Amino acid sequence: MKPMEPMKPMEPMKPMGGGEKWWPDDLGQPSTSGSQNGMRYAFFPEKKRLLIERDGDLTTYDSADHQIGGVSQQDGGSTSLTFTSQKGQVKLDELKKIG
């Protein structure tokens, strides 16, 4: 019977990444961002912009006077997004699409 080989030293753990930046530099840092079910969003209050990325397609919305703080997503045949603002709930299709 062969003796066991000594264990090799473990490599130090690498810090977790904070997530990659996927929005244009000119928007700065978002006040809130998140992702779920193949969709990402980021809100930029200084620029009044909400960015949505779905399956690699990036769309920009004018958030007007909404201060977006969160998102809820409903699946029921078609996916609809509703955001929370200081005025209550705002649906994505209520915001003006810019690009």
PDB file of N, CA and C in Angstrom:
ATOM      1  N   MET A   1       0.829  -1.180   0.000  1.00  0.00           N
ATOM      2  CA  MET A   1       0.000   0.000   0.000  1.00  0.00           C
ATOM      3  C   MET A   1       0.880   1.251   0.000  1.00  0.00           C
ATOM      4  N   LYS A   2       0.577   2.174  -0.916  1.00  0.00           N
ATOM      5  CA  LYS A   2       1.366   3.398  -1.039  1.00  0.00           C
ATOM      6  C   LYS A   2       0.910   4.422  -0.010  1.00  0.00           C
ATOM      7  N   PRO A   3       1.852   5.155   0.572  1.00  0.00           N
ATOM      8  CA  PRO A   3       1.443   6.221   1.497  1.00  0.00           C
ATOM      9  C   PRO A   3       0.744   7.358   0.732  1.00  0.00           C
ATOM     10  N   MET A   4      -0.139   8.070   1.419  1.00  0.00           N
ATOM     11  CA  MET A   4      -0.859   9.196   0.800  1.00  0.00           C
ATOM     12  C   MET A   4       0.104  10.342   0.528  1.00  0.00           C
ATOM     13  N   GLU A   5      -0.172  11.036  -0.559  1.00  0.00           N
ATOM     14  CA  GLU A   5       0.624  12.225  -0.869  1.00  0.00           C
ATOM     15  C   GLU A   5       0.179  13.366   0.030  1.00  0.00           C
ATOM     16  N   PRO A   6       1.128  14.210   0.423  1.00  0.00           N
ATOM     17  CA  PRO A   6       0.732  15.359   1.251  1.00  0.00           C
ATOM     18  C   PRO A   6      -0.190  16.301   0.459  1.00  0.00           C
ATOM     19  N   MET A   7      -1.064  16.968   1.181  1.00  0.00           N
ATOM     20  CA  MET A   7      -1.981  17.918   0.532  1.00  0.00           C
ATOM     21  C   MET A   7      -1.212  19.120   0.005  1.00  0.00           C
ATOM     22  N   LYS A   8      -1.645  19.620  -1.131  1.00  0.00           N
ATOM     23  CA  LYS A   8      -1.044  20.832  -1.683  1.00  0.00           C
ATOM     24  C   LYS A   8      -1.662  22.034  -0.984  1.00  0.00           C
ATOM     25  N   PRO A   9      -0.893  23.097  -0.793  1.00  0.00           N
ATOM     26  CA  PRO A   9      -1.459  24.287  -0.151  1.00  0.00           C
ATOM     27  C   PRO A   9      -2.585  24.882  -1.012  1.00  0.00           C
ATOM     28  N   MET A  10      -3.600  25.385  -0.353  1.00  0.00           N
ATOM     29  CA  MET A  10      -4.718  26.002  -1.071  1.00  0.00           C
ATOM     30  C   MET A  10      -4.310  27.379  -1.588  1.00  0.00           C
ATOM     31  N   GLU A  11      -4.843  27.723  -2.750  1.00  0.00           N
ATOM     32  CA  GLU A  11      -4.606  29.068  -3.275  1.00  0.00           C
ATOM     33  C   GLU A  11      -5.473  30.051  -2.510  1.00  0.00           C
ATOM     34  N   PRO A  12      -4.979  31.278  -2.290  1.00  0.00           N
ATOM     35  CA  PRO A  12      -5.801  32.265  -1.586  1.00  0.00           C
ATOM     36  C   PRO A  12      -7.063  32.578  -2.398  1.00  0.00           C
ATOM     37  N   MET A  13      -8.130  32.867  -1.698  1.00  0.00           N
ATOM     38  CA  MET A  13      -9.385  33.209  -2.373  1.00  0.00           C
ATOM     39  C   MET A  13      -9.253  34.568  -3.048  1.00  0.00           C
ATOM     40  N   LYS A  14      -9.848  34.678  -4.211  1.00  0.00           N
ATOM     41  CA  LYS A  14      -9.851  35.949  -4.927  1.00  0.00           C
ATOM     42  C   LYS A  14     -11.105  36.718  -4.544  1.00  0.00           C
ATOM     43  N   PRO A  15     -10.991  38.041  -4.413  1.00  0.00           N
ATOM     44  CA  PRO A  15     -12.186  38.805  -4.057  1.00  0.00           C
ATOM     45  C   PRO A  15     -13.240  38.719  -5.150  1.00  0.00           C
ATOM     46  N   MET A  16     -14.485  38.747  -4.733  1.00  0.00           N
ATOM     47  CA  MET A  16     -15.583  38.718  -5.700  1.00  0.00           C
ATOM     48  C   MET A  16     -15.633  40.049  -6.436  1.00  0.00           C
ATOM     49  N   GLY A  17     -15.952  39.992  -7.708  1.00  0.00           N
ATOM     50  CA  GLY A  17     -16.089  41.205  -8.501  1.00  0.00           C
ATOM     51  C   GLY A  17     -17.382  41.925  -8.144  1.00  0.00           C
ATOM     52  N   GLY A  18     -17.381  43.226  -8.314  1.00  0.00           N
ATOM     53  CA  GLY A  18     -18.561  44.014  -7.998  1.00  0.00           C
ATOM     54  C   GLY A  18     -19.526  44.080  -9.168  1.00  0.00           C
ATOM     55  N   GLY A  19     -19.299  43.303 -10.175  1.00  0.00           N
ATOM     56  CA  GLY A  19     -20.160  43.352 -11.349  1.00  0.00           C
ATOM     57  C   GLY A  19     -19.533  44.246 -12.401  1.00  0.00           C
ATOM     58  N   GLU A  20     -19.766  43.902 -13.608  1.00  0.00           N
ATOM     59  CA  GLU A  20     -19.170  44.677 -14.687  1.00  0.00           C
ATOM     60  C   GLU A  20     -20.040  45.880 -15.031  1.00  0.00           C
ATOM     61  N   LYS A  21     -19.401  46.932 -15.461  1.00  0.00           N
ATOM     62  CA  LYS A  21     -20.099  48.135 -15.892  1.00  0.00           C
ATOM     63  C   LYS A  21     -20.569  47.904 -17.323  1.00  0.00           C
ATOM     64  N   TRP A  22     -21.854  48.078 -17.574  1.00  0.00           N
ATOM     65  CA  TRP A  22     -22.414  47.806 -18.902  1.00  0.00           C
ATOM     66  C   TRP A  22     -23.090  49.039 -19.506  1.00  0.00           C
ATOM     67  N   TRP A  23     -23.010  50.170 -18.844  1.00  0.00           N
ATOM     68  CA  TRP A  23     -23.636  51.403 -19.328  1.00  0.00           C
ATOM     69  C   TRP A  23     -22.568  52.365 -19.837  1.00  0.00           C
ATOM     70  N   PRO A  24     -22.961  53.346 -20.666  1.00  0.00           N
ATOM     71  CA  PRO A  24     -22.002  54.324 -21.208  1.00  0.00           C
ATOM     72  C   PRO A  24     -21.378  55.187 -20.112  1.00  0.00           C
ATOM     73  N   ASP A  25     -20.113  55.565 -20.297  1.00  0.00           N
ATOM     74  CA  ASP A  25     -19.387  56.383 -19.323  1.00  0.00           C
ATOM     75  C   ASP A  25     -20.047  57.724 -19.045  1.00  0.00           C
ATOM     76  N   ASP A  26     -20.662  58.327 -20.060  1.00  0.00           N
ATOM     77  CA  ASP A  26     -21.195  59.681 -19.897  1.00  0.00           C
ATOM     78  C   ASP A  26     -22.379  59.750 -18.921  1.00  0.00           C
ATOM     79  N   LEU A  27     -22.927  58.605 -18.526  1.00  0.00           N
ATOM     80  CA  LEU A  27     -24.034  58.603 -17.569  1.00  0.00           C
ATOM     81  C   LEU A  27     -23.558  58.610 -16.124  1.00  0.00           C
ATOM     82  N   GLY A  28     -22.282  58.317 -15.891  1.00  0.00           N
ATOM     83  CA  GLY A  28     -21.758  58.285 -14.531  1.00  0.00           C
ATOM     84  C   GLY A  28     -22.123  56.992 -13.826  1.00  0.00           C
ATOM     85  N   GLN A  29     -22.341  57.086 -12.508  1.00  0.00           N
ATOM     86  CA  GLN A  29     -22.689  55.918 -11.700  1.00  0.00           C
ATOM     87  C   GLN A  29     -24.192  55.903 -11.437  1.00  0.00           C
ATOM     88  N   PRO A  30     -24.823  54.747 -11.552  1.00  0.00           N
ATOM     89  CA  PRO A  30     -26.255  54.670 -11.271  1.00  0.00           C
ATOM     90  C   PRO A  30     -26.520  54.753  -9.763  1.00  0.00           C
ATOM     91  N   SER A  31     -27.687  55.287  -9.404  1.00  0.00           N
ATOM     92  CA  SER A  31     -28.072  55.294  -7.991  1.00  0.00           C
ATOM     93  C   SER A  31     -28.629  53.936  -7.594  1.00  0.00           C
ATOM     94  N   THR A  32     -29.149  53.206  -8.565  1.00  0.00           N
ATOM     95  CA  THR A  32     -29.629  51.853  -8.327  1.00  0.00           C
ATOM     96  C   THR A  32     -29.469  51.048  -9.608  1.00  0.00           C
ATOM     97  N   SER A  33     -29.217  49.773  -9.451  1.00  0.00           N
ATOM     98  CA  SER A  33     -29.116  48.882 -10.601  1.00  0.00           C
ATOM     99  C   SER A  33     -29.388  47.464 -10.122  1.00  0.00           C
ATOM    100  N   GLY A  34     -29.719  46.602 -11.065  1.00  0.00           N
ATOM    101  CA  GLY A  34     -29.989  45.226 -10.707  1.00  0.00           C
ATOM    102  C   GLY A  34     -30.208  44.382 -11.938  1.00  0.00           C
ATOM    103  N   SER A  35     -30.463  43.112 -11.708  1.00  0.00           N
ATOM    104  CA  SER A  35     -30.715  42.213 -12.827  1.00  0.00           C
ATOM    105  C   SER A  35     -31.543  41.035 -12.350  1.00  0.00           C
ATOM    106  N   GLN A  36     -32.331  40.498 -13.265  1.00  0.00           N
ATOM    107  CA  GLN A  36     -33.080  39.271 -13.022  1.00  0.00           C
ATOM    108  C   GLN A  36     -33.640  38.757 -14.336  1.00  0.00           C
ATOM    109  N   ASN A  37     -33.715  37.457 -14.470  1.00  0.00           N
ATOM    110  CA  ASN A  37     -34.337  36.801 -15.622  1.00  0.00           C
ATOM    111  C   ASN A  37     -33.862  37.344 -16.975  1.00  0.00           C
ATOM    112  N   GLY A  38     -32.559  37.498 -17.152  1.00  0.00           N
ATOM    113  CA  GLY A  38     -32.020  37.935 -18.436  1.00  0.00           C
ATOM    114  C   GLY A  38     -32.190  39.414 -18.722  1.00  0.00           C
ATOM    115  N   MET A  39     -32.538  40.213 -17.705  1.00  0.00           N
ATOM    116  CA  MET A  39     -32.748  41.653 -17.864  1.00  0.00           C
ATOM    117  C   MET A  39     -31.910  42.385 -16.822  1.00  0.00           C
ATOM    118  N   ARG A  40     -31.307  43.516 -17.245  1.00  0.00           N
ATOM    119  CA  ARG A  40     -30.575  44.365 -16.311  1.00  0.00           C
ATOM    120  C   ARG A  40     -31.131  45.776 -16.405  1.00  0.00           C
ATOM    121  N   TYR A  41     -31.077  46.510 -15.304  1.00  0.00           N
ATOM    122  CA  TYR A  41     -31.497  47.906 -15.327  1.00  0.00           C
ATOM    123  C   TYR A  41     -30.521  48.740 -14.511  1.00  0.00           C
ATOM    124  N   ALA A  42     -30.431  50.010 -14.851  1.00  0.00           N
ATOM    125  CA  ALA A  42     -29.626  50.973 -14.102  1.00  0.00           C
ATOM    126  C   ALA A  42     -30.313  52.332 -14.226  1.00  0.00           C
ATOM    127  N   PHE A  43     -30.401  53.044 -13.103  1.00  0.00           N
ATOM    128  CA  PHE A  43     -31.059  54.350 -13.065  1.00  0.00           C
ATOM    129  C   PHE A  43     -30.046  55.434 -12.725  1.00  0.00           C
ATOM    130  N   PHE A  44     -30.065  56.515 -13.531  1.00  0.00           N
ATOM    131  CA  PHE A  44     -29.135  57.629 -13.401  1.00  0.00           C
ATOM    132  C   PHE A  44     -29.943  58.907 -13.145  1.00  0.00           C
ATOM    133  N   PRO A  45     -30.152  59.271 -11.865  1.00  0.00           N
ATOM    134  CA  PRO A  45     -31.033  60.398 -11.553  1.00  0.00           C
ATOM    135  C   PRO A  45     -30.537  61.746 -12.074  1.00  0.00           C
ATOM    136  N   GLU A  46     -29.227  61.973 -12.077  1.00  0.00           N
ATOM    137  CA  GLU A  46     -28.706  63.265 -12.552  1.00  0.00           C
ATOM    138  C   GLU A  46     -29.024  63.490 -14.031  1.00  0.00           C
ATOM    139  N   LYS A  47     -29.023  62.410 -14.791  1.00  0.00           N
ATOM    140  CA  LYS A  47     -29.295  62.493 -16.231  1.00  0.00           C
ATOM    141  C   LYS A  47     -30.758  62.185 -16.563  1.00  0.00           C
ATOM    142  N   LYS A  48     -31.529  61.758 -15.542  1.00  0.00           N
ATOM    143  CA  LYS A  48     -32.935  61.365 -15.732  1.00  0.00           C
ATOM    144  C   LYS A  48     -33.061  60.254 -16.779  1.00  0.00           C
ATOM    145  N   ARG A  49     -32.226  59.249 -16.608  1.00  0.00           N
ATOM    146  CA  ARG A  49     -32.198  58.143 -17.564  1.00  0.00           C
ATOM    147  C   ARG A  49     -32.322  56.802 -16.851  1.00  0.00           C
ATOM    148  N   LEU A  50     -33.090  55.918 -17.469  1.00  0.00           N
ATOM    149  CA  LEU A  50     -33.232  54.542 -17.034  1.00  0.00           C
ATOM    150  C   LEU A  50     -32.788  53.675 -18.202  1.00  0.00           C
ATOM    151  N   LEU A  51     -31.820  52.818 -17.964  1.00  0.00           N
ATOM    152  CA  LEU A  51     -31.339  51.907 -19.001  1.00  0.00           C
ATOM    153  C   LEU A  51     -31.834  50.508 -18.696  1.00  0.00           C
ATOM    154  N   ILE A  52     -32.315  49.843 -19.733  1.00  0.00           N
ATOM    155  CA  ILE A  52     -32.767  48.461 -19.630  1.00  0.00           C
ATOM    156  C   ILE A  52     -32.012  47.659 -20.682  1.00  0.00           C
ATOM    157  N   GLU A  53     -31.411  46.562 -20.268  1.00  0.00           N
ATOM    158  CA  GLU A  53     -30.765  45.655 -21.206  1.00  0.00           C
ATOM    159  C   GLU A  53     -31.469  44.309 -21.102  1.00  0.00           C
ATOM    160  N   ARG A  54     -32.015  43.878 -22.237  1.00  0.00           N
ATOM    161  CA  ARG A  54     -32.667  42.572 -22.317  1.00  0.00           C
ATOM    162  C   ARG A  54     -32.025  41.777 -23.436  1.00  0.00           C
ATOM    163  N   ASP A  55     -31.508  40.641 -23.101  1.00  0.00           N
ATOM    164  CA  ASP A  55     -30.915  39.741 -24.091  1.00  0.00           C
ATOM    165  C   ASP A  55     -29.927  40.454 -24.997  1.00  0.00           C
ATOM    166  N   GLY A  56     -29.116  41.359 -24.416  1.00  0.00           N
ATOM    167  CA  GLY A  56     -28.086  42.068 -25.167  1.00  0.00           C
ATOM    168  C   GLY A  56     -28.542  43.332 -25.848  1.00  0.00           C
ATOM    169  N   ASP A  57     -29.845  43.650 -25.841  1.00  0.00           N
ATOM    170  CA  ASP A  57     -30.363  44.877 -26.455  1.00  0.00           C
ATOM    171  C   ASP A  57     -30.518  45.950 -25.382  1.00  0.00           C
ATOM    172  N   LEU A  58     -29.866  47.095 -25.587  1.00  0.00           N
ATOM    173  CA  LEU A  58     -29.888  48.195 -24.627  1.00  0.00           C
ATOM    174  C   LEU A  58     -30.887  49.253 -25.066  1.00  0.00           C
ATOM    175  N   THR A  59     -31.806  49.634 -24.159  1.00  0.00           N
ATOM    176  CA  THR A  59     -32.799  50.661 -24.431  1.00  0.00           C
ATOM    177  C   THR A  59     -32.704  51.723 -23.343  1.00  0.00           C
ATOM    178  N   THR A  60     -32.786  52.994 -23.756  1.00  0.00           N
ATOM    179  CA  THR A  60     -32.719  54.119 -22.833  1.00  0.00           C
ATOM    180  C   THR A  60     -34.081  54.776 -22.734  1.00  0.00           C
ATOM    181  N   TYR A  61     -34.479  55.108 -21.499  1.00  0.00           N
ATOM    182  CA  TYR A  61     -35.753  55.771 -21.241  1.00  0.00           C
ATOM    183  C   TYR A  61     -35.512  57.070 -20.489  1.00  0.00           C
ATOM    184  N   ASP A  62     -36.355  58.074 -20.753  1.00  0.00           N
ATOM    185  CA  ASP A  62     -36.362  59.318 -19.993  1.00  0.00           C
ATOM    186  C   ASP A  62     -37.199  59.061 -18.747  1.00  0.00           C
ATOM    187  N   SER A  63     -36.607  59.194 -17.576  1.00  0.00           N
ATOM    188  CA  SER A  63     -37.333  58.910 -16.335  1.00  0.00           C
ATOM    189  C   SER A  63     -38.154  60.103 -15.859  1.00  0.00           C
ATOM    190  N   ALA A  64     -38.069  61.230 -16.588  1.00  0.00           N
ATOM    191  CA  ALA A  64     -38.806  62.451 -16.247  1.00  0.00           C
ATOM    192  C   ALA A  64     -38.523  62.818 -14.783  1.00  0.00           C
ATOM    193  N   ASP A  65     -39.563  63.008 -13.982  1.00  0.00           N
ATOM    194  CA  ASP A  65     -39.346  63.409 -12.593  1.00  0.00           C
ATOM    195  C   ASP A  65     -39.434  62.234 -11.617  1.00  0.00           C
ATOM    196  N   HIS A  66     -39.345  61.019 -12.120  1.00  0.00           N
ATOM    197  CA  HIS A  66     -39.360  59.839 -11.254  1.00  0.00           C
ATOM    198  C   HIS A  66     -37.966  59.585 -10.685  1.00  0.00           C
ATOM    199  N   GLN A  67     -37.906  59.281  -9.411  1.00  0.00           N
ATOM    200  CA  GLN A  67     -36.678  58.855  -8.749  1.00  0.00           C
ATOM    201  C   GLN A  67     -36.822  57.357  -8.491  1.00  0.00           C
ATOM    202  N   ILE A  68     -36.278  56.568  -9.384  1.00  0.00           N
ATOM    203  CA  ILE A  68     -36.494  55.124  -9.372  1.00  0.00           C
ATOM    204  C   ILE A  68     -35.638  54.456  -8.306  1.00  0.00           C
ATOM    205  N   GLY A  69     -36.275  53.568  -7.555  1.00  0.00           N
ATOM    206  CA  GLY A  69     -35.579  52.915  -6.469  1.00  0.00           C
ATOM    207  C   GLY A  69     -35.626  51.404  -6.523  1.00  0.00           C
ATOM    208  N   GLY A  70     -36.439  50.819  -7.369  1.00  0.00           N
ATOM    209  CA  GLY A  70     -36.524  49.366  -7.424  1.00  0.00           C
ATOM    210  C   GLY A  70     -37.355  48.921  -8.602  1.00  0.00           C
ATOM    211  N   VAL A  71     -37.398  47.615  -8.821  1.00  0.00           N
ATOM    212  CA  VAL A  71     -38.106  47.059  -9.974  1.00  0.00           C
ATOM    213  C   VAL A  71     -38.852  45.809  -9.543  1.00  0.00           C
ATOM    214  N   SER A  72     -40.000  45.596 -10.170  1.00  0.00           N
ATOM    215  CA  SER A  72     -40.677  44.307 -10.037  1.00  0.00           C
ATOM    216  C   SER A  72     -40.981  43.827 -11.440  1.00  0.00           C
ATOM    217  N   GLN A  73     -40.902  42.527 -11.614  1.00  0.00           N
ATOM    218  CA  GLN A  73     -41.054  41.936 -12.936  1.00  0.00           C
ATOM    219  C   GLN A  73     -42.136  40.882 -12.861  1.00  0.00           C
ATOM    220  N   GLN A  74     -43.043  40.925 -13.822  1.00  0.00           N
ATOM    221  CA  GLN A  74     -44.115  39.938 -13.849  1.00  0.00           C
ATOM    222  C   GLN A  74     -44.045  39.175 -15.161  1.00  0.00           C
ATOM    223  N   ASP A  75     -44.144  37.870 -15.057  1.00  0.00           N
ATOM    224  CA  ASP A  75     -44.173  37.024 -16.246  1.00  0.00           C
ATOM    225  C   ASP A  75     -45.587  36.486 -16.400  1.00  0.00           C
ATOM    226  N   GLY A  76     -46.172  36.758 -17.531  1.00  0.00           N
ATOM    227  CA  GLY A  76     -47.500  36.241 -17.800  1.00  0.00           C
ATOM    228  C   GLY A  76     -47.720  36.283 -19.294  1.00  0.00           C
ATOM    229  N   GLY A  77     -46.988  35.489 -20.019  1.00  0.00           N
ATOM    230  CA  GLY A  77     -47.062  35.551 -21.470  1.00  0.00           C
ATOM    231  C   GLY A  77     -46.050  36.551 -21.988  1.00  0.00           C
ATOM    232  N   SER A  78     -46.157  37.809 -21.529  1.00  0.00           N
ATOM    233  CA  SER A  78     -45.153  38.805 -21.877  1.00  0.00           C
ATOM    234  C   SER A  78     -44.608  39.373 -20.577  1.00  0.00           C
ATOM    235  N   THR A  79     -43.351  39.746 -20.594  1.00  0.00           N
ATOM    236  CA  THR A  79     -42.727  40.260 -19.392  1.00  0.00           C
ATOM    237  C   THR A  79     -43.006  41.745 -19.272  1.00  0.00           C
ATOM    238  N   SER A  80     -43.524  42.163 -18.125  1.00  0.00           N
ATOM    239  CA  SER A  80     -43.754  43.589 -17.898  1.00  0.00           C
ATOM    240  C   SER A  80     -42.928  44.027 -16.706  1.00  0.00           C
ATOM    241  N   LEU A  81     -42.424  45.240 -16.782  1.00  0.00           N
ATOM    242  CA  LEU A  81     -41.606  45.794 -15.715  1.00  0.00           C
ATOM    243  C   LEU A  81     -42.335  46.951 -15.062  1.00  0.00           C
ATOM    244  N   THR A  82     -42.307  46.989 -13.747  1.00  0.00           N
ATOM    245  CA  THR A  82     -42.862  48.092 -12.980  1.00  0.00           C
ATOM    246  C   THR A  82     -41.782  48.559 -12.022  1.00  0.00           C
ATOM    247  N   PHE A  83     -41.575  49.859 -11.967  1.00  0.00           N
ATOM    248  CA  PHE A  83     -40.556  50.433 -11.104  1.00  0.00           C
ATOM    249  C   PHE A  83     -41.203  51.200  -9.966  1.00  0.00           C
ATOM    250  N   THR A  84     -40.490  51.281  -8.863  1.00  0.00           N
ATOM    251  CA  THR A  84     -40.939  52.047  -7.715  1.00  0.00           C
ATOM    252  C   THR A  84     -40.285  53.417  -7.773  1.00  0.00           C
ATOM    253  N   SER A  85     -41.087  54.468  -7.627  1.00  0.00           N
ATOM    254  CA  SER A  85     -40.553  55.821  -7.578  1.00  0.00           C
ATOM    255  C   SER A  85     -41.174  56.543  -6.392  1.00  0.00           C
ATOM    256  N   GLN A  86     -40.766  57.786  -6.176  1.00  0.00           N
ATOM    257  CA  GLN A  86     -41.316  58.571  -5.075  1.00  0.00           C
ATOM    258  C   GLN A  86     -42.802  58.851  -5.291  1.00  0.00           C
ATOM    259  N   LYS A  87     -43.299  58.618  -6.497  1.00  0.00           N
ATOM    260  CA  LYS A  87     -44.703  58.829  -6.832  1.00  0.00           C
ATOM    261  C   LYS A  87     -45.496  57.526  -6.813  1.00  0.00           C
ATOM    262  N   GLY A  88     -44.869  56.444  -6.400  1.00  0.00           N
ATOM    263  CA  GLY A  88     -45.517  55.138  -6.405  1.00  0.00           C
ATOM    264  C   GLY A  88     -44.990  54.282  -7.540  1.00  0.00           C
ATOM    265  N   GLN A  89     -45.845  53.437  -8.071  1.00  0.00           N
ATOM    266  CA  GLN A  89     -45.453  52.513  -9.139  1.00  0.00           C
ATOM    267  C   GLN A  89     -45.505  53.213 -10.500  1.00  0.00           C
ATOM    268  N   VAL A  90     -44.517  52.947 -11.330  1.00  0.00           N
ATOM    269  CA  VAL A  90     -44.502  53.458 -12.701  1.00  0.00           C
ATOM    270  C   VAL A  90     -44.145  52.296 -13.624  1.00  0.00           C
ATOM    271  N   LYS A  91     -44.972  52.095 -14.625  1.00  0.00           N
ATOM    272  CA  LYS A  91     -44.726  51.020 -15.596  1.00  0.00           C
ATOM    273  C   LYS A  91     -43.737  51.507 -16.640  1.00  0.00           C
ATOM    274  N   LEU A  92     -42.932  50.588 -17.135  1.00  0.00           N
ATOM    275  CA  LEU A  92     -41.917  50.934 -18.123  1.00  0.00           C
ATOM    276  C   LEU A  92     -42.546  51.570 -19.358  1.00  0.00           C
ATOM    277  N   ASP A  93     -43.709  51.091 -19.780  1.00  0.00           N
ATOM    278  CA  ASP A  93     -44.319  51.638 -20.991  1.00  0.00           C
ATOM    279  C   ASP A  93     -44.898  53.048 -20.769  1.00  0.00           C
ATOM    280  N   GLU A  94     -44.851  53.553 -19.526  1.00  0.00           N
ATOM    281  CA  GLU A  94     -45.270  54.929 -19.249  1.00  0.00           C
ATOM    282  C   GLU A  94     -44.117  55.918 -19.432  1.00  0.00           C
ATOM    283  N   LEU A  95     -42.892  55.404 -19.544  1.00  0.00           N
ATOM    284  CA  LEU A  95     -41.727  56.261 -19.735  1.00  0.00           C
ATOM    285  C   LEU A  95     -41.420  56.419 -21.222  1.00  0.00           C
ATOM    286  N   LYS A  96     -40.902  57.590 -21.565  1.00  0.00           N
ATOM    287  CA  LYS A  96     -40.576  57.868 -22.964  1.00  0.00           C
ATOM    288  C   LYS A  96     -39.297  57.141 -23.366  1.00  0.00           C
ATOM    289  N   LYS A  97     -39.404  56.336 -24.435  1.00  0.00           N
ATOM    290  CA  LYS A  97     -38.247  55.613 -24.951  1.00  0.00           C
ATOM    291  C   LYS A  97     -37.398  56.595 -25.762  1.00  0.00           C
ATOM    292  N   ILE A  98     -36.093  56.619 -25.469  1.00  0.00           N
ATOM    293  CA  ILE A  98     -35.167  57.519 -26.163  1.00  0.00           C
ATOM    294  C   ILE A  98     -34.375  56.768 -27.220  1.00  0.00           C
ATOM    295  N   GLY A  99     -33.926  55.609 -26.905  1.00  0.00           N
ATOM    296  CA  GLY A  99     -33.131  54.860 -27.879  1.00  0.00           C
ATOM    297  C   GLY A  99     -32.977  53.435 -27.494  1.00  0.00           C
TER     298      GLY A  99
END
